[in-house]
């Protein structure tokens, strides 16, 4: 019996886990409805998670919101959750492009 033929590559395992994660996201499709506006939670992230994921301080993320670097249409405040702020999970530019 050839043991090598029974082994699954790490890339194949990663691919299978990615497919499972995509299917789970499609099944759950968590949504948040605030004032009759529906938001897909897969597109939004807390300010602290955004800071961690992008190697920024939380203060800098809040500063960006205040300064308009993160536009207000990319910010959701959830009053029912102690005014939790969610921001659209996308890159933001701090400098004007030419």
N, C-alpha and C. Protein backbone atom coordinates (compact mmCIF):
# COMPACT_ATOMS: atom_id res chain seq x y z
N UNK A 1 0.84 -1.17 0.00
CA UNK A 1 0.00 0.00 0.00
C UNK A 1 0.89 1.24 0.00
N UNK A 2 0.59 2.16 -0.85
CA UNK A 2 1.36 3.38 -0.98
C UNK A 2 0.78 4.45 -0.05
N UNK A 3 1.51 4.78 1.01
CA UNK A 3 1.02 5.73 2.00
C UNK A 3 0.95 7.14 1.40
N UNK A 4 1.87 7.48 0.55
CA UNK A 4 1.91 8.82 -0.04
C UNK A 4 0.63 9.13 -0.82
N UNK A 5 0.01 8.14 -1.43
CA UNK A 5 -1.21 8.38 -2.20
C UNK A 5 -2.40 8.70 -1.31
N UNK A 6 -2.36 8.31 -0.03
CA UNK A 6 -3.46 8.58 0.88
C UNK A 6 -3.34 9.92 1.59
N UNK A 7 -2.21 10.56 1.49
CA UNK A 7 -2.01 11.85 2.15
C UNK A 7 -2.65 12.96 1.32
N UNK A 8 -3.26 13.89 2.03
CA UNK A 8 -3.86 15.05 1.39
C UNK A 8 -2.93 16.24 1.60
N UNK A 9 -2.70 16.98 0.56
CA UNK A 9 -1.79 18.12 0.66
C UNK A 9 -2.42 19.22 1.53
N UNK A 10 -1.56 20.04 2.14
CA UNK A 10 -2.05 21.15 2.96
C UNK A 10 -2.85 22.15 2.12
N UNK A 11 -2.44 22.35 0.89
CA UNK A 11 -3.16 23.27 0.01
C UNK A 11 -4.58 22.77 -0.24
N UNK A 12 -4.71 21.47 -0.42
CA UNK A 12 -6.05 20.89 -0.65
C UNK A 12 -6.91 21.01 0.60
N UNK A 13 -6.32 20.79 1.76
CA UNK A 13 -7.07 20.93 3.02
C UNK A 13 -7.50 22.38 3.21
N UNK A 14 -6.58 23.34 2.95
CA UNK A 14 -6.92 24.75 3.06
C UNK A 14 -8.06 25.12 2.11
N UNK A 15 -8.00 24.59 0.91
CA UNK A 15 -9.04 24.85 -0.08
C UNK A 15 -10.40 24.32 0.40
N UNK A 16 -10.37 23.12 0.97
CA UNK A 16 -11.63 22.54 1.49
C UNK A 16 -12.19 23.38 2.62
N UNK A 17 -11.32 23.83 3.55
CA UNK A 17 -11.79 24.68 4.65
C UNK A 17 -12.34 26.01 4.12
N UNK A 18 -11.70 26.58 3.12
CA UNK A 18 -12.19 27.82 2.52
C UNK A 18 -13.58 27.62 1.93
N UNK A 19 -13.78 26.49 1.23
CA UNK A 19 -15.09 26.19 0.65
C UNK A 19 -16.15 26.01 1.73
N UNK A 20 -15.79 25.34 2.83
CA UNK A 20 -16.73 25.15 3.93
C UNK A 20 -17.09 26.49 4.55
N UNK A 21 -16.09 27.36 4.73
CA UNK A 21 -16.35 28.69 5.30
C UNK A 21 -17.28 29.50 4.39
N UNK A 22 -17.06 29.46 3.09
CA UNK A 22 -17.93 30.17 2.14
C UNK A 22 -19.36 29.65 2.22
N UNK A 23 -19.51 28.32 2.30
CA UNK A 23 -20.85 27.74 2.39
C UNK A 23 -21.54 28.16 3.69
N UNK A 24 -20.81 28.18 4.79
CA UNK A 24 -21.39 28.58 6.07
C UNK A 24 -21.82 30.04 6.02
N UNK A 25 -21.02 30.89 5.41
CA UNK A 25 -21.39 32.30 5.28
C UNK A 25 -22.63 32.47 4.43
N UNK A 26 -22.74 31.69 3.36
CA UNK A 26 -23.92 31.77 2.50
C UNK A 26 -25.16 31.28 3.24
N UNK A 27 -25.00 30.26 4.06
CA UNK A 27 -26.14 29.71 4.80
C UNK A 27 -26.62 30.70 5.85
N UNK A 28 -25.69 31.24 6.61
CA UNK A 28 -26.09 32.13 7.70
C UNK A 28 -26.47 33.51 7.22
N UNK A 29 -25.67 34.08 6.33
CA UNK A 29 -25.92 35.42 5.79
C UNK A 29 -26.46 36.37 6.86
N UNK A 30 -25.70 36.51 7.93
CA UNK A 30 -26.11 37.38 9.03
C UNK A 30 -26.31 38.79 8.54
N UNK A 31 -27.39 39.39 8.98
CA UNK A 31 -27.72 40.75 8.57
C UNK A 31 -28.14 41.55 9.78
N UNK A 32 -27.90 42.82 9.72
CA UNK A 32 -28.29 43.75 10.77
C UNK A 32 -29.25 44.75 10.13
N UNK A 33 -30.39 44.97 10.77
CA UNK A 33 -31.36 45.92 10.25
C UNK A 33 -31.49 47.05 11.25
N UNK A 34 -31.18 48.26 10.79
CA UNK A 34 -31.28 49.46 11.62
C UNK A 34 -32.09 50.48 10.84
N UNK A 35 -33.17 50.95 11.43
CA UNK A 35 -34.04 51.95 10.81
C UNK A 35 -34.40 51.55 9.38
N UNK A 36 -34.84 50.32 9.23
CA UNK A 36 -35.28 49.76 7.94
C UNK A 36 -34.18 49.67 6.89
N UNK A 37 -32.93 49.81 7.28
CA UNK A 37 -31.80 49.62 6.37
C UNK A 37 -31.10 48.34 6.76
N UNK A 38 -30.87 47.48 5.77
CA UNK A 38 -30.27 46.17 6.02
C UNK A 38 -28.79 46.20 5.65
N UNK A 39 -27.96 45.65 6.55
CA UNK A 39 -26.52 45.58 6.34
C UNK A 39 -26.07 44.14 6.45
N UNK A 40 -25.24 43.67 5.52
CA UNK A 40 -24.65 42.34 5.60
C UNK A 40 -23.47 42.41 6.57
N UNK A 41 -23.51 41.64 7.64
CA UNK A 41 -22.46 41.72 8.64
C UNK A 41 -21.12 41.20 8.13
N UNK A 42 -21.12 40.47 7.05
CA UNK A 42 -19.85 40.00 6.49
C UNK A 42 -19.04 41.16 5.91
N UNK A 43 -19.68 42.30 5.65
CA UNK A 43 -19.01 43.46 5.06
C UNK A 43 -18.58 44.49 6.11
N UNK A 44 -18.98 44.29 7.37
CA UNK A 44 -18.74 45.29 8.40
C UNK A 44 -17.92 44.69 9.53
N UNK A 45 -17.15 45.55 10.23
CA UNK A 45 -16.24 45.11 11.27
C UNK A 45 -16.21 46.17 12.37
N UNK A 46 -15.94 45.76 13.59
CA UNK A 46 -15.84 46.74 14.67
C UNK A 46 -14.58 47.58 14.49
N UNK A 47 -14.57 48.74 15.10
CA UNK A 47 -13.41 49.61 14.99
C UNK A 47 -12.17 48.95 15.59
N UNK A 48 -12.34 48.22 16.68
CA UNK A 48 -11.18 47.56 17.29
C UNK A 48 -10.65 46.44 16.40
N UNK A 49 -11.54 45.68 15.77
CA UNK A 49 -11.08 44.62 14.86
C UNK A 49 -10.40 45.23 13.63
N UNK A 50 -10.93 46.35 13.13
CA UNK A 50 -10.29 47.00 12.00
C UNK A 50 -8.89 47.46 12.38
N UNK A 51 -8.75 48.02 13.57
CA UNK A 51 -7.45 48.48 14.04
C UNK A 51 -6.46 47.32 14.14
N UNK A 52 -6.90 46.21 14.71
CA UNK A 52 -6.03 45.03 14.84
C UNK A 52 -5.64 44.50 13.47
N UNK A 53 -6.61 44.35 12.59
CA UNK A 53 -6.35 43.76 11.27
C UNK A 53 -5.43 44.63 10.41
N UNK A 54 -5.44 45.95 10.65
CA UNK A 54 -4.65 46.86 9.83
C UNK A 54 -3.47 47.47 10.58
N UNK A 55 -3.16 46.90 11.75
CA UNK A 55 -2.01 47.34 12.55
C UNK A 55 -2.07 48.83 12.86
N UNK A 56 -3.24 49.28 13.32
CA UNK A 56 -3.46 50.67 13.69
C UNK A 56 -3.91 50.74 15.14
N UNK A 57 -3.82 51.91 15.73
CA UNK A 57 -4.38 52.08 17.07
C UNK A 57 -5.88 52.37 16.92
N UNK A 58 -6.64 52.03 17.94
CA UNK A 58 -8.08 52.30 17.91
C UNK A 58 -8.30 53.81 17.84
N UNK A 59 -7.45 54.57 18.55
CA UNK A 59 -7.57 56.03 18.52
C UNK A 59 -7.42 56.56 17.10
N UNK A 60 -6.49 55.98 16.32
CA UNK A 60 -6.29 56.43 14.94
C UNK A 60 -7.54 56.15 14.10
N UNK A 61 -8.15 54.99 14.29
CA UNK A 61 -9.36 54.65 13.53
C UNK A 61 -10.47 55.65 13.87
N UNK A 62 -10.65 55.96 15.15
CA UNK A 62 -11.67 56.94 15.55
C UNK A 62 -11.32 58.33 15.01
N UNK A 63 -10.05 58.66 14.98
CA UNK A 63 -9.60 59.93 14.41
C UNK A 63 -9.94 59.99 12.93
N UNK A 64 -9.72 58.89 12.22
CA UNK A 64 -10.06 58.84 10.79
C UNK A 64 -11.55 59.06 10.57
N UNK A 65 -12.37 58.51 11.46
CA UNK A 65 -13.82 58.71 11.33
C UNK A 65 -14.13 60.19 11.53
N UNK A 66 -13.55 60.80 12.56
CA UNK A 66 -13.79 62.22 12.86
C UNK A 66 -13.33 63.11 11.71
N UNK A 67 -12.17 62.80 11.12
CA UNK A 67 -11.61 63.62 10.05
C UNK A 67 -12.24 63.34 8.69
N UNK A 68 -13.07 62.32 8.57
CA UNK A 68 -13.73 62.01 7.31
C UNK A 68 -12.93 61.11 6.39
N UNK A 69 -11.78 60.60 6.86
CA UNK A 69 -11.01 59.66 6.04
C UNK A 69 -11.84 58.39 5.84
N UNK A 70 -12.53 57.98 6.91
CA UNK A 70 -13.54 56.93 6.78
C UNK A 70 -14.86 57.67 6.67
N UNK A 71 -15.48 57.67 5.48
CA UNK A 71 -16.70 58.45 5.27
C UNK A 71 -17.85 57.98 6.18
N UNK A 72 -18.74 58.90 6.50
CA UNK A 72 -19.85 58.57 7.38
C UNK A 72 -20.76 57.48 6.82
N UNK A 73 -20.82 57.34 5.48
CA UNK A 73 -21.64 56.28 4.91
C UNK A 73 -20.98 54.90 5.07
N UNK A 74 -19.75 54.89 5.58
CA UNK A 74 -19.04 53.64 5.86
C UNK A 74 -18.98 53.37 7.36
N UNK A 75 -19.81 54.08 8.13
CA UNK A 75 -19.85 53.91 9.58
C UNK A 75 -21.30 53.66 9.99
N UNK A 76 -21.49 52.64 10.82
CA UNK A 76 -22.81 52.35 11.39
C UNK A 76 -22.68 52.46 12.90
N UNK A 77 -23.59 53.19 13.53
CA UNK A 77 -23.65 53.25 14.98
C UNK A 77 -24.91 52.50 15.40
N UNK A 78 -24.73 51.51 16.29
CA UNK A 78 -25.84 50.67 16.73
C UNK A 78 -26.23 51.12 18.14
N UNK A 79 -27.27 51.95 18.27
CA UNK A 79 -27.65 52.47 19.59
C UNK A 79 -28.02 51.37 20.58
N UNK A 80 -28.66 50.31 20.10
CA UNK A 80 -29.10 49.23 20.97
C UNK A 80 -27.94 48.44 21.56
N UNK A 81 -26.76 48.58 21.00
CA UNK A 81 -25.58 47.88 21.49
C UNK A 81 -24.58 48.88 22.08
N UNK A 82 -25.11 49.78 22.92
CA UNK A 82 -24.28 50.77 23.60
C UNK A 82 -23.48 51.62 22.61
N UNK A 83 -24.13 51.98 21.50
CA UNK A 83 -23.55 52.83 20.45
C UNK A 83 -22.29 52.22 19.84
N UNK A 84 -22.33 50.91 19.64
CA UNK A 84 -21.24 50.20 18.97
C UNK A 84 -21.06 50.77 17.57
N UNK A 85 -19.79 51.01 17.18
CA UNK A 85 -19.50 51.50 15.84
C UNK A 85 -18.96 50.36 15.00
N UNK A 86 -19.55 50.20 13.82
CA UNK A 86 -19.06 49.26 12.83
C UNK A 86 -18.62 50.08 11.62
N UNK A 87 -17.53 49.65 11.00
CA UNK A 87 -17.09 50.33 9.78
C UNK A 87 -16.99 49.30 8.66
N UNK A 88 -17.18 49.79 7.46
CA UNK A 88 -17.08 48.92 6.29
C UNK A 88 -15.65 48.41 6.19
N UNK A 89 -15.51 47.11 6.04
CA UNK A 89 -14.20 46.46 6.02
C UNK A 89 -13.57 46.62 4.64
N UNK A 90 -12.85 47.71 4.47
CA UNK A 90 -12.17 48.03 3.22
C UNK A 90 -11.01 48.95 3.53
N UNK A 91 -10.05 49.07 2.64
CA UNK A 91 -8.93 50.00 2.90
C UNK A 91 -9.38 51.45 2.72
N UNK A 92 -8.78 52.32 3.52
CA UNK A 92 -9.07 53.75 3.43
C UNK A 92 -7.76 54.49 3.17
N UNK A 93 -7.82 55.54 2.35
CA UNK A 93 -6.63 56.32 1.98
C UNK A 93 -6.53 57.54 2.89
N UNK A 94 -5.35 57.75 3.46
CA UNK A 94 -5.13 58.91 4.32
C UNK A 94 -4.57 60.10 3.54
N UNK A 95 -4.10 59.89 2.34
CA UNK A 95 -3.54 60.97 1.53
C UNK A 95 -4.29 61.06 0.21
N UNK A 96 -4.37 62.26 -0.30
CA UNK A 96 -5.01 62.47 -1.59
C UNK A 96 -4.15 61.84 -2.69
N UNK A 97 -4.80 61.19 -3.63
CA UNK A 97 -4.07 60.61 -4.76
C UNK A 97 -4.03 61.60 -5.90
N UNK A 98 -2.95 61.57 -6.66
CA UNK A 98 -2.79 62.51 -7.78
C UNK A 98 -3.31 61.91 -9.06
